[in-house]
PDB file of N, CA and C in Angstrom:
ATOM      1  N   MET A   1      -1.313   6.792  16.661  1.00  0.00           N
ATOM      2  CA  MET A   1       0.014   6.338  16.331  1.00  0.00           C
ATOM      3  C   MET A   1       0.161   5.984  14.804  1.00  0.00           C
ATOM      4  N   ALA A   2      -0.858   5.330  14.313  1.00  0.00           N
ATOM      5  CA  ALA A   2      -0.689   4.903  12.926  1.00  0.00           C
ATOM      6  C   ALA A   2      -0.480   6.016  11.904  1.00  0.00           C
ATOM      7  N   ARG A   3      -1.169   7.125  12.100  1.00  0.00           N
ATOM      8  CA  ARG A   3      -1.041   8.199  11.172  1.00  0.00           C
ATOM      9  C   ARG A   3       0.388   8.794  11.243  1.00  0.00           C
ATOM     10  N   GLU A   4       0.873   8.864  12.495  1.00  0.00           N
ATOM     11  CA  GLU A   4       2.264   9.399  12.619  1.00  0.00           C
ATOM     12  C   GLU A   4       3.263   8.410  12.072  1.00  0.00           C
ATOM     13  N   GLN A   5       3.089   7.143  12.263  1.00  0.00           N
ATOM     14  CA  GLN A   5       4.056   6.164  11.791  1.00  0.00           C
ATOM     15  C   GLN A   5       3.954   6.049  10.255  1.00  0.00           C
ATOM     16  N   PHE A   6       2.734   6.210   9.723  1.00  0.00           N
ATOM     17  CA  PHE A   6       2.564   6.018   8.321  1.00  0.00           C
ATOM     18  C   PHE A   6       2.126   7.384   7.644  1.00  0.00           C
ATOM     19  N   GLN A   7       2.808   8.472   8.122  1.00  0.00           N
ATOM     20  CA  GLN A   7       2.598   9.821   7.705  1.00  0.00           C
ATOM     21  C   GLN A   7       2.821   9.924   6.105  1.00  0.00           C
ATOM     22  N   ASN A   8       3.883   9.353   5.695  1.00  0.00           N
ATOM     23  CA  ASN A   8       4.148   9.266   4.245  1.00  0.00           C
ATOM     24  C   ASN A   8       4.439   7.802   3.968  1.00  0.00           C
ATOM     25  N   LEU A   9       3.618   7.254   3.090  1.00  0.00           N
ATOM     26  CA  LEU A   9       3.866   5.827   2.784  1.00  0.00           C
ATOM     27  C   LEU A   9       4.966   5.668   1.753  1.00  0.00           C
ATOM     28  N   THR A  10       5.786   4.649   1.872  1.00  0.00           N
ATOM     29  CA  THR A  10       6.781   4.301   0.906  1.00  0.00           C
ATOM     30  C   THR A  10       5.980   3.711  -0.289  1.00  0.00           C
ATOM     31  N   GLU A  11       6.668   3.612  -1.455  1.00  0.00           N
ATOM     32  CA  GLU A  11       6.036   3.018  -2.599  1.00  0.00           C
ATOM     33  C   GLU A  11       5.537   1.582  -2.353  1.00  0.00           C
ATOM     34  N   PRO A  12       6.356   0.714  -1.743  1.00  0.00           N
ATOM     35  CA  PRO A  12       5.829  -0.658  -1.477  1.00  0.00           C
ATOM     36  C   PRO A  12       4.584  -0.545  -0.573  1.00  0.00           C
ATOM     37  N   MET A  13       4.589   0.295   0.486  1.00  0.00           N
ATOM     38  CA  MET A  13       3.401   0.389   1.413  1.00  0.00           C
ATOM     39  C   MET A  13       2.158   0.821   0.567  1.00  0.00           C
ATOM     40  N   TYR A  14       2.326   1.815  -0.229  1.00  0.00           N
ATOM     41  CA  TYR A  14       1.195   2.371  -1.043  1.00  0.00           C
ATOM     42  C   TYR A  14       0.680   1.263  -1.919  1.00  0.00           C
ATOM     43  N   TYR A  15       1.501   0.593  -2.661  1.00  0.00           N
ATOM     44  CA  TYR A  15       1.024  -0.362  -3.625  1.00  0.00           C
ATOM     45  C   TYR A  15       0.480  -1.642  -2.943  1.00  0.00           C
ATOM     46  N   ILE A  16       1.033  -2.001  -1.721  1.00  0.00           N
ATOM     47  CA  ILE A  16       0.437  -3.194  -1.002  1.00  0.00           C
ATOM     48  C   ILE A  16      -0.980  -2.774  -0.585  1.00  0.00           C
ATOM     49  N   LEU A  17      -1.183  -1.606  -0.052  1.00  0.00           N
ATOM     50  CA  LEU A  17      -2.491  -1.173   0.375  1.00  0.00           C
ATOM     51  C   LEU A  17      -3.487  -1.124  -0.818  1.00  0.00           C
ATOM     52  N   ILE A  18      -3.022  -0.604  -1.949  1.00  0.00           N
ATOM     53  CA  ILE A  18      -3.909  -0.549  -3.112  1.00  0.00           C
ATOM     54  C   ILE A  18      -4.268  -1.943  -3.525  1.00  0.00           C
ATOM     55  N   SER A  19      -3.350  -2.869  -3.501  1.00  0.00           N
ATOM     56  CA  SER A  19      -3.603  -4.270  -3.900  1.00  0.00           C
ATOM     57  C   SER A  19      -4.679  -4.914  -2.908  1.00  0.00           C
ATOM     58  N   LEU A  20      -4.693  -4.436  -1.741  1.00  0.00           N
ATOM     59  CA  LEU A  20      -5.564  -5.037  -0.712  1.00  0.00           C
ATOM     60  C   LEU A  20      -6.989  -4.424  -0.730  1.00  0.00           C
ATOM     61  N   LEU A  21      -7.258  -3.590  -1.690  1.00  0.00           N
ATOM     62  CA  LEU A  21      -8.677  -3.153  -1.906  1.00  0.00           C
ATOM     63  C   LEU A  21      -9.473  -4.424  -2.359  1.00  0.00           C
ATOM     64  N   GLU A  22      -8.766  -5.439  -2.731  1.00  0.00           N
ATOM     65  CA  GLU A  22      -9.366  -6.771  -2.987  1.00  0.00           C
ATOM     66  C   GLU A  22      -8.753  -7.802  -2.051  1.00  0.00           C
ATOM     67  N   GLU A  23      -9.451  -8.728  -1.611  1.00  0.00           N
ATOM     68  CA  GLU A  23      -8.909  -9.777  -0.777  1.00  0.00           C
ATOM     69  C   GLU A  23      -7.768 -10.521  -1.469  1.00  0.00           C
ATOM     70  N   ARG A  24      -6.609 -10.716  -0.936  1.00  0.00           N
ATOM     71  CA  ARG A  24      -5.474 -11.390  -1.581  1.00  0.00           C
ATOM     72  C   ARG A  24      -4.590 -12.067  -0.537  1.00  0.00           C
ATOM     73  N   CYS A  25      -3.945 -13.136  -1.031  1.00  0.00           N
ATOM     74  CA  CYS A  25      -2.888 -13.787  -0.161  1.00  0.00           C
ATOM     75  C   CYS A  25      -1.606 -13.136  -0.539  1.00  0.00           C
ATOM     76  N   GLY A  26      -0.519 -13.543   0.169  1.00  0.00           N
ATOM     77  CA  GLY A  26       0.791 -12.991   0.027  1.00  0.00           C
ATOM     78  C   GLY A  26       1.254 -13.046  -1.455  1.00  0.00           C
ATOM     79  N   VAL A  27       1.271 -14.115  -2.024  1.00  0.00           N
ATOM     80  CA  VAL A  27       1.798 -14.348  -3.384  1.00  0.00           C
ATOM     81  C   VAL A  27       0.964 -13.467  -4.379  1.00  0.00           C
ATOM     82  N   ASP A  28      -0.347 -13.334  -4.188  1.00  0.00           N
ATOM     83  CA  ASP A  28      -1.166 -12.553  -5.066  1.00  0.00           C
ATOM     84  C   ASP A  28      -0.884 -11.012  -4.802  1.00  0.00           C
ATOM     85  N   ILE A  29      -0.550 -10.699  -3.555  1.00  0.00           N
ATOM     86  CA  ILE A  29      -0.195  -9.303  -3.253  1.00  0.00           C
ATOM     87  C   ILE A  29       1.119  -8.869  -4.047  1.00  0.00           C
ATOM     88  N   MET A  30       2.028  -9.718  -4.003  1.00  0.00           N
ATOM     89  CA  MET A  30       3.383  -9.417  -4.619  1.00  0.00           C
ATOM     90  C   MET A  30       3.093  -9.321  -6.190  1.00  0.00           C
ATOM     91  N   GLN A  31       2.316 -10.226  -6.770  1.00  0.00           N
ATOM     92  CA  GLN A  31       2.051 -10.110  -8.168  1.00  0.00           C
ATOM     93  C   GLN A  31       1.188  -8.834  -8.479  1.00  0.00           C
ATOM     94  N   ALA A  32       0.265  -8.493  -7.650  1.00  0.00           N
ATOM     95  CA  ALA A  32      -0.555  -7.331  -7.916  1.00  0.00           C
ATOM     96  C   ALA A  32       0.211  -6.060  -7.809  1.00  0.00           C
ATOM     97  N   VAL A  33       1.164  -6.027  -6.822  1.00  0.00           N
ATOM     98  CA  VAL A  33       2.071  -4.784  -6.721  1.00  0.00           C
ATOM     99  C   VAL A  33       2.828  -4.634  -8.022  1.00  0.00           C
ATOM    100  N   GLU A  34       3.454  -5.660  -8.543  1.00  0.00           N
ATOM    101  CA  GLU A  34       4.112  -5.560  -9.835  1.00  0.00           C
ATOM    102  C   GLU A  34       3.169  -5.138 -10.987  1.00  0.00           C
ATOM    103  N   GLU A  35       1.979  -5.696 -10.958  1.00  0.00           N
ATOM    104  CA  GLU A  35       1.049  -5.349 -12.081  1.00  0.00           C
ATOM    105  C   GLU A  35       0.612  -3.890 -11.929  1.00  0.00           C
ATOM    106  N   ILE A  36       0.174  -3.544 -10.773  1.00  0.00           N
ATOM    107  CA  ILE A  36      -0.335  -2.160 -10.569  1.00  0.00           C
ATOM    108  C   ILE A  36       0.682  -1.118 -10.889  1.00  0.00           C
ATOM    109  N   SER A  37       1.957  -1.429 -10.504  1.00  0.00           N
ATOM    110  CA  SER A  37       3.098  -0.423 -10.728  1.00  0.00           C
ATOM    111  C   SER A  37       3.787  -0.652 -12.013  1.00  0.00           C
ATOM    112  N   LYS A  38       3.192  -1.439 -12.908  1.00  0.00           N
ATOM    113  CA  LYS A  38       3.711  -1.671 -14.249  1.00  0.00           C
ATOM    114  C   LYS A  38       5.145  -2.209 -14.135  1.00  0.00           C
ATOM    115  N   GLU A  39       5.406  -3.133 -13.155  1.00  0.00           N
ATOM    116  CA  GLU A  39       6.632  -3.783 -12.837  1.00  0.00           C
ATOM    117  C   GLU A  39       7.767  -2.818 -12.363  1.00  0.00           C
ATOM    118  N   ARG A  40       7.399  -1.638 -12.027  1.00  0.00           N
ATOM    119  CA  ARG A  40       8.409  -0.707 -11.461  1.00  0.00           C
ATOM    120  C   ARG A  40       8.692  -0.930 -10.005  1.00  0.00           C
ATOM    121  N   VAL A  41       7.706  -1.484  -9.196  1.00  0.00           N
ATOM    122  CA  VAL A  41       7.902  -1.866  -7.803  1.00  0.00           C
ATOM    123  C   VAL A  41       7.710  -3.347  -7.606  1.00  0.00           C
ATOM    124  N   ARG A  42       8.789  -3.887  -7.050  1.00  0.00           N
ATOM    125  CA  ARG A  42       8.680  -5.368  -6.666  1.00  0.00           C
ATOM    126  C   ARG A  42       8.830  -5.493  -5.165  1.00  0.00           C
ATOM    127  N   VAL A  43       8.043  -6.344  -4.523  1.00  0.00           N
ATOM    128  CA  VAL A  43       8.078  -6.578  -3.104  1.00  0.00           C
ATOM    129  C   VAL A  43       8.432  -8.017  -2.892  1.00  0.00           C
ATOM    130  N   GLY A  44       9.529  -8.218  -2.157  1.00  0.00           N
ATOM    131  CA  GLY A  44       9.918  -9.564  -1.765  1.00  0.00           C
ATOM    132  C   GLY A  44       9.164 -10.024  -0.503  1.00  0.00           C
ATOM    133  N   PRO A  45       9.189 -11.325  -0.251  1.00  0.00           N
ATOM    134  CA  PRO A  45       8.509 -11.898   0.892  1.00  0.00           C
ATOM    135  C   PRO A  45       8.876 -11.260   2.256  1.00  0.00           C
ATOM    136  N   GLY A  46      10.146 -10.931   2.424  1.00  0.00           N
ATOM    137  CA  GLY A  46      10.544 -10.374   3.742  1.00  0.00           C
ATOM    138  C   GLY A  46       9.926  -9.025   3.934  1.00  0.00           C
ATOM    139  N   THR A  47       9.972  -8.164   2.939  1.00  0.00           N
ATOM    140  CA  THR A  47       9.426  -6.888   3.045  1.00  0.00           C
ATOM    141  C   THR A  47       7.905  -6.968   3.218  1.00  0.00           C
ATOM    142  N   LEU A  48       7.274  -7.866   2.359  1.00  0.00           N
ATOM    143  CA  LEU A  48       5.892  -7.953   2.342  1.00  0.00           C
ATOM    144  C   LEU A  48       5.373  -8.331   3.759  1.00  0.00           C
ATOM    145  N   TYR A  49       5.867  -9.408   4.292  1.00  0.00           N
ATOM    146  CA  TYR A  49       5.277  -9.942   5.535  1.00  0.00           C
ATOM    147  C   TYR A  49       5.662  -8.973   6.719  1.00  0.00           C
ATOM    148  N   THR A  50       6.766  -8.267   6.654  1.00  0.00           N
ATOM    149  CA  THR A  50       7.025  -7.251   7.676  1.00  0.00           C
ATOM    150  C   THR A  50       5.948  -6.134   7.637  1.00  0.00           C
ATOM    151  N   LEU A  51       5.660  -5.674   6.419  1.00  0.00           N
ATOM    152  CA  LEU A  51       4.697  -4.576   6.274  1.00  0.00           C
ATOM    153  C   LEU A  51       3.279  -5.118   6.666  1.00  0.00           C
ATOM    154  N   LEU A  52       2.918  -6.290   6.230  1.00  0.00           N
ATOM    155  CA  LEU A  52       1.656  -6.840   6.564  1.00  0.00           C
ATOM    156  C   LEU A  52       1.464  -6.906   8.042  1.00  0.00           C
ATOM    157  N   GLY A  53       2.563  -7.332   8.758  1.00  0.00           N
ATOM    158  CA  GLY A  53       2.440  -7.323  10.241  1.00  0.00           C
ATOM    159  C   GLY A  53       2.250  -5.989  10.822  1.00  0.00           C
ATOM    160  N   LYS A  54       2.990  -4.985  10.366  1.00  0.00           N
ATOM    161  CA  LYS A  54       2.796  -3.681  10.821  1.00  0.00           C
ATOM    162  C   LYS A  54       1.378  -3.071  10.486  1.00  0.00           C
ATOM    163  N   PHE A  55       0.898  -3.325   9.316  1.00  0.00           N
ATOM    164  CA  PHE A  55      -0.440  -2.859   8.902  1.00  0.00           C
ATOM    165  C   PHE A  55      -1.470  -3.550   9.805  1.00  0.00           C
ATOM    166  N   GLU A  56      -1.342  -4.844   9.993  1.00  0.00           N
ATOM    167  CA  GLU A  56      -2.224  -5.537  10.787  1.00  0.00           C
ATOM    168  C   GLU A  56      -2.296  -5.039  12.218  1.00  0.00           C
ATOM    169  N   LYS A  57      -1.088  -4.865  12.774  1.00  0.00           N
ATOM    170  CA  LYS A  57      -1.038  -4.307  14.165  1.00  0.00           C
ATOM    171  C   LYS A  57      -1.748  -3.014  14.316  1.00  0.00           C
ATOM    172  N   GLU A  58      -1.718  -2.151  13.263  1.00  0.00           N
ATOM    173  CA  GLU A  58      -2.336  -0.790  13.312  1.00  0.00           C
ATOM    174  C   GLU A  58      -3.752  -0.847  12.801  1.00  0.00           C
ATOM    175  N   ASN A  59      -4.293  -2.034  12.594  1.00  0.00           N
ATOM    176  CA  ASN A  59      -5.734  -2.214  12.131  1.00  0.00           C
ATOM    177  C   ASN A  59      -5.971  -1.575  10.775  1.00  0.00           C
ATOM    178  N   MET A  60      -4.921  -1.559   9.958  1.00  0.00           N
ATOM    179  CA  MET A  60      -5.041  -1.009   8.536  1.00  0.00           C
ATOM    180  C   MET A  60      -5.489  -2.014   7.636  1.00  0.00           C
ATOM    181  N   ILE A  61      -5.170  -3.290   7.955  1.00  0.00           N
ATOM    182  CA  ILE A  61      -5.611  -4.419   7.223  1.00  0.00           C
ATOM    183  C   ILE A  61      -6.113  -5.514   8.197  1.00  0.00           C
ATOM    184  N   ARG A  62      -6.801  -6.472   7.704  1.00  0.00           N
ATOM    185  CA  ARG A  62      -7.222  -7.603   8.566  1.00  0.00           C
ATOM    186  C   ARG A  62      -7.037  -8.937   7.807  1.00  0.00           C
ATOM    187  N   GLU A  63      -6.714  -9.967   8.612  1.00  0.00           N
ATOM    188  CA  GLU A  63      -6.625 -11.240   8.030  1.00  0.00           C
ATOM    189  C   GLU A  63      -8.005 -11.833   7.796  1.00  0.00           C
ATOM    190  N   THR A  64      -8.309 -12.362   6.606  1.00  0.00           N
ATOM    191  CA  THR A  64      -9.665 -12.859   6.205  1.00  0.00           C
ATOM    192  C   THR A  64      -9.742 -14.318   6.187  1.00  0.00           C
ATOM    193  N   GLU A  65      -8.608 -15.066   5.983  1.00  0.00           N
ATOM    194  CA  GLU A  65      -8.671 -16.518   5.830  1.00  0.00           C
ATOM    195  C   GLU A  65      -7.351 -17.123   6.030  1.00  0.00           C
ATOM    196  N   VAL A  66      -7.314 -18.227   6.629  1.00  0.00           N
ATOM    197  CA  VAL A  66      -6.044 -19.023   6.779  1.00  0.00           C
ATOM    198  C   VAL A  66      -6.242 -20.424   6.283  1.00  0.00           C
ATOM    199  N   GLN A  67      -5.415 -20.829   5.292  1.00  0.00           N
ATOM    200  CA  GLN A  67      -5.514 -22.217   4.839  1.00  0.00           C
ATOM    201  C   GLN A  67      -4.119 -22.761   4.927  1.00  0.00           C
ATOM    202  N   GLY A  68      -3.746 -23.433   6.026  1.00  0.00           N
ATOM    203  CA  GLY A  68      -2.410 -23.900   6.265  1.00  0.00           C
ATOM    204  C   GLY A  68      -1.557 -22.685   6.397  1.00  0.00           C
ATOM    205  N   ARG A  69      -0.532 -22.587   5.561  1.00  0.00           N
ATOM    206  CA  ARG A  69       0.369 -21.422   5.621  1.00  0.00           C
ATOM    207  C   ARG A  69      -0.094 -20.273   4.799  1.00  0.00           C
ATOM    208  N   LYS A  70      -1.077 -20.412   4.026  1.00  0.00           N
ATOM    209  CA  LYS A  70      -1.560 -19.389   3.137  1.00  0.00           C
ATOM    210  C   LYS A  70      -2.590 -18.507   3.936  1.00  0.00           C
ATOM    211  N   ARG A  71      -2.268 -17.182   3.968  1.00  0.00           N
ATOM    212  CA  ARG A  71      -3.145 -16.217   4.732  1.00  0.00           C
ATOM    213  C   ARG A  71      -3.623 -15.202   3.758  1.00  0.00           C
ATOM    214  N   SER A  72      -4.801 -14.815   3.868  1.00  0.00           N
ATOM    215  CA  SER A  72      -5.368 -13.749   2.990  1.00  0.00           C
ATOM    216  C   SER A  72      -5.772 -12.549   3.839  1.00  0.00           C
ATOM    217  N   TYR A  73      -5.704 -11.382   3.208  1.00  0.00           N
ATOM    218  CA  TYR A  73      -5.857 -10.147   3.830  1.00  0.00           C
ATOM    219  C   TYR A  73      -6.800  -9.204   3.027  1.00  0.00           C
ATOM    220  N   ILE A  74      -7.286  -8.195   3.697  1.00  0.00           N
ATOM    221  CA  ILE A  74      -8.045  -7.115   2.979  1.00  0.00           C
ATOM    222  C   ILE A  74      -7.865  -5.824   3.807  1.00  0.00           C
ATOM    223  N   ILE A  75      -7.909  -4.687   3.067  1.00  0.00           N
ATOM    224  CA  ILE A  75      -7.804  -3.449   3.771  1.00  0.00           C
ATOM    225  C   ILE A  75      -8.978  -3.050   4.573  1.00  0.00           C
ATOM    226  N   THR A  76      -8.757  -2.354   5.689  1.00  0.00           N
ATOM    227  CA  THR A  76      -9.917  -1.966   6.555  1.00  0.00           C
ATOM    228  C   THR A  76     -10.273  -0.536   6.230  1.00  0.00           C
ATOM    229  N   ASP A  77     -11.300  -0.030   6.907  1.00  0.00           N
ATOM    230  CA  ASP A  77     -11.675   1.420   6.665  1.00  0.00           C
ATOM    231  C   ASP A  77     -10.595   2.325   7.101  1.00  0.00           C
ATOM    232  N   LYS A  78      -9.893   1.985   8.201  1.00  0.00           N
ATOM    233  CA  LYS A  78      -8.798   2.774   8.716  1.00  0.00           C
ATOM    234  C   LYS A  78      -7.657   2.829   7.577  1.00  0.00           C
ATOM    235  N   GLY A  79      -7.445   1.690   7.049  1.00  0.00           N
ATOM    236  CA  GLY A  79      -6.378   1.561   6.041  1.00  0.00           C
ATOM    237  C   GLY A  79      -6.758   2.341   4.826  1.00  0.00           C
ATOM    238  N   LYS A  80      -8.018   2.309   4.391  1.00  0.00           N
ATOM    239  CA  LYS A  80      -8.509   3.024   3.301  1.00  0.00           C
ATOM    240  C   LYS A  80      -8.330   4.543   3.499  1.00  0.00           C
ATOM    241  N   GLU A  81      -8.597   4.960   4.758  1.00  0.00           N
ATOM    242  CA  GLU A  81      -8.451   6.412   5.121  1.00  0.00           C
ATOM    243  C   GLU A  81      -6.990   6.794   4.911  1.00  0.00           C
ATOM    244  N   ILE A  82      -6.063   6.042   5.414  1.00  0.00           N
ATOM    245  CA  ILE A  82      -4.629   6.381   5.323  1.00  0.00           C
ATOM    246  C   ILE A  82      -4.224   6.373   3.886  1.00  0.00           C
ATOM    247  N   LEU A  83      -4.707   5.379   3.047  1.00  0.00           N
ATOM    248  CA  LEU A  83      -4.349   5.311   1.689  1.00  0.00           C
ATOM    249  C   LEU A  83      -4.911   6.459   0.906  1.00  0.00           C
ATOM    250  N   LEU A  84      -6.121   6.916   1.204  1.00  0.00           N
ATOM    251  CA  LEU A  84      -6.678   8.097   0.575  1.00  0.00           C
ATOM    252  C   LEU A  84      -5.947   9.367   0.885  1.00  0.00           C
ATOM    253  N   GLU A  85      -5.473   9.492   2.196  1.00  0.00           N
ATOM    254  CA  GLU A  85      -4.757  10.649   2.553  1.00  0.00           C
ATOM    255  C   GLU A  85      -3.443  10.705   1.839  1.00  0.00           C
ATOM    256  N   GLU A  86      -2.804   9.559   1.681  1.00  0.00           N
ATOM    257  CA  GLU A  86      -1.591   9.517   0.844  1.00  0.00           C
ATOM    258  C   GLU A  86      -1.762   9.833  -0.622  1.00  0.00           C
ATOM    259  N   TYR A  87      -2.865   9.349  -1.154  1.00  0.00           N
ATOM    260  CA  TYR A  87      -3.237   9.573  -2.531  1.00  0.00           C
ATOM    261  C   TYR A  87      -3.461  11.125  -2.818  1.00  0.00           C
ATOM    262  N   ARG A  88      -4.147  11.780  -1.841  1.00  0.00           N
ATOM    263  CA  ARG A  88      -4.326  13.185  -1.895  1.00  0.00           C
ATOM    264  C   ARG A  88      -3.040  14.038  -1.806  1.00  0.00           C
ATOM    265  N   ARG A  89      -2.136  13.495  -0.853  1.00  0.00           N
ATOM    266  CA  ARG A  89      -0.851  14.157  -0.651  1.00  0.00           C
ATOM    267  C   ARG A  89      -0.051  14.078  -1.968  1.00  0.00           C
ATOM    268  N   LEU A  90      -0.019  12.982  -2.617  1.00  0.00           N
ATOM    269  CA  LEU A  90       0.711  12.786  -3.844  1.00  0.00           C
ATOM    270  C   LEU A  90       0.113  13.678  -4.979  1.00  0.00           C
ATOM    271  N   ILE A  91      -1.217  13.794  -5.104  1.00  0.00           N
ATOM    272  CA  ILE A  91      -1.791  14.618  -6.063  1.00  0.00           C
ATOM    273  C   ILE A  91      -1.371  16.057  -5.816  1.00  0.00           C
ATOM    274  N   THR A  92      -1.375  16.533  -4.492  1.00  0.00           N
ATOM    275  CA  THR A  92      -0.964  17.891  -4.222  1.00  0.00           C
ATOM    276  C   THR A  92       0.456  18.058  -4.593  1.00  0.00           C
ATOM    277  N   MET A  93       1.364  17.187  -4.413  1.00  0.00           N
ATOM    278  CA  MET A  93       2.754  17.345  -4.759  1.00  0.00           C
ATOM    279  C   MET A  93       2.911  17.475  -6.213  1.00  0.00           C
ATOM    280  N   VAL A  94       2.187  16.652  -7.008  1.00  0.00           N
ATOM    281  CA  VAL A  94       2.251  16.755  -8.425  1.00  0.00           C
ATOM    282  C   VAL A  94       1.743  18.074  -8.889  1.00  0.00           C
ATOM    283  N   SER A  95       0.688  18.501  -8.352  1.00  0.00           N
ATOM    284  CA  SER A  95       0.028  19.825  -8.715  1.00  0.00           C
ATOM    285  C   SER A  95       0.991  20.944  -8.394  1.00  0.00           C
ATOM    286  N   ASP A  96       1.657  20.881  -7.230  1.00  0.00           N
ATOM    287  CA  ASP A  96       2.595  21.950  -6.875  1.00  0.00           C
ATOM    288  C   ASP A  96       3.804  21.920  -7.871  1.00  0.00           C
ATOM    289  N   GLY A  97       4.194  20.723  -8.181  1.00  0.00           N
ATOM    290  CA  GLY A  97       5.355  20.620  -9.150  1.00  0.00           C
ATOM    291  C   GLY A  97       5.023  21.095 -10.533  1.00  0.00           C
ATOM    292  N   GLU A  98       3.754  20.835 -10.994  1.00  0.00           N
ATOM    293  CA  GLU A  98       3.393  21.346 -12.342  1.00  0.00           C
ATOM    294  C   GLU A  98       3.485  22.873 -12.464  1.00  0.00           C
ATOM    295  N   ILE A  99       3.293  23.564 -11.438  1.00  0.00           N
ATOM    296  CA  ILE A  99       3.399  25.002 -11.469  1.00  0.00           C
ATOM    297  C   ILE A  99       4.831  25.394 -11.818  1.00  0.00           C
ATOM    298  N   TYR A 100       5.775  24.704 -11.333  1.00  0.00           N
ATOM    299  CA  TYR A 100       7.163  25.051 -11.619  1.00  0.00           C
ATOM    300  C   TYR A 100       7.865  24.187 -12.620  1.00  0.00           C
ATOM    301  N   MET A 101       7.357  23.000 -12.875  1.00  0.00           N
ATOM    302  CA  MET A 101       8.112  22.009 -13.772  1.00  0.00           C
ATOM    303  C   MET A 101       7.280  21.793 -15.054  1.00  0.00           C
ATOM    304  N   GLY A 102       6.023  22.208 -15.080  1.00  0.00           N
ATOM    305  CA  GLY A 102       5.142  21.906 -16.229  1.00  0.00           C
ATOM    306  C   GLY A 102       5.778  22.004 -17.595  1.00  0.00           C
ATOM    307  N   ASP A 103       6.417  23.163 -17.854  1.00  0.00           N
ATOM    308  CA  ASP A 103       6.931  23.415 -19.167  1.00  0.00           C
ATOM    309  C   ASP A 103       8.425  22.929 -19.353  1.00  0.00           C
ATOM    310  N   LYS A 104       8.964  22.377 -18.290  1.00  0.00           N
ATOM    311  CA  LYS A 104      10.358  21.859 -18.276  1.00  0.00           C
ATOM    312  C   LYS A 104      10.441  20.447 -18.489  1.00  0.00           C
ATOM    313  N   VAL A 105       9.414  19.696 -18.530  1.00  0.00           N
ATOM    314  CA  VAL A 105       9.400  18.207 -18.651  1.00  0.00           C
ATOM    315  C   VAL A 105       9.266  17.821 -19.953  1.00  0.00           C
TER     316      VAL A 105
END
């Protein structure tokens, strides 16, 4: 089900998963997404925690630590596999586009 539901990741999904290649808490994830995307993508708490819940339910990430209300997460092997598939899909799209758009950009 996870592959079907996450067939194509949205930008926030993609950057959240990339940020979780290192263990992070929610605030750190939001900051990392902005940093990794060069401030092009911002994720608010509502979106973040909704996606974290979905990712955790599908075993794409796991909770690593709880300190009061602060929770930390890291990507799982399954999450890395889905992230890598999306990375490859994006590379293929860019490569296909270069054939037709390369000299027009």
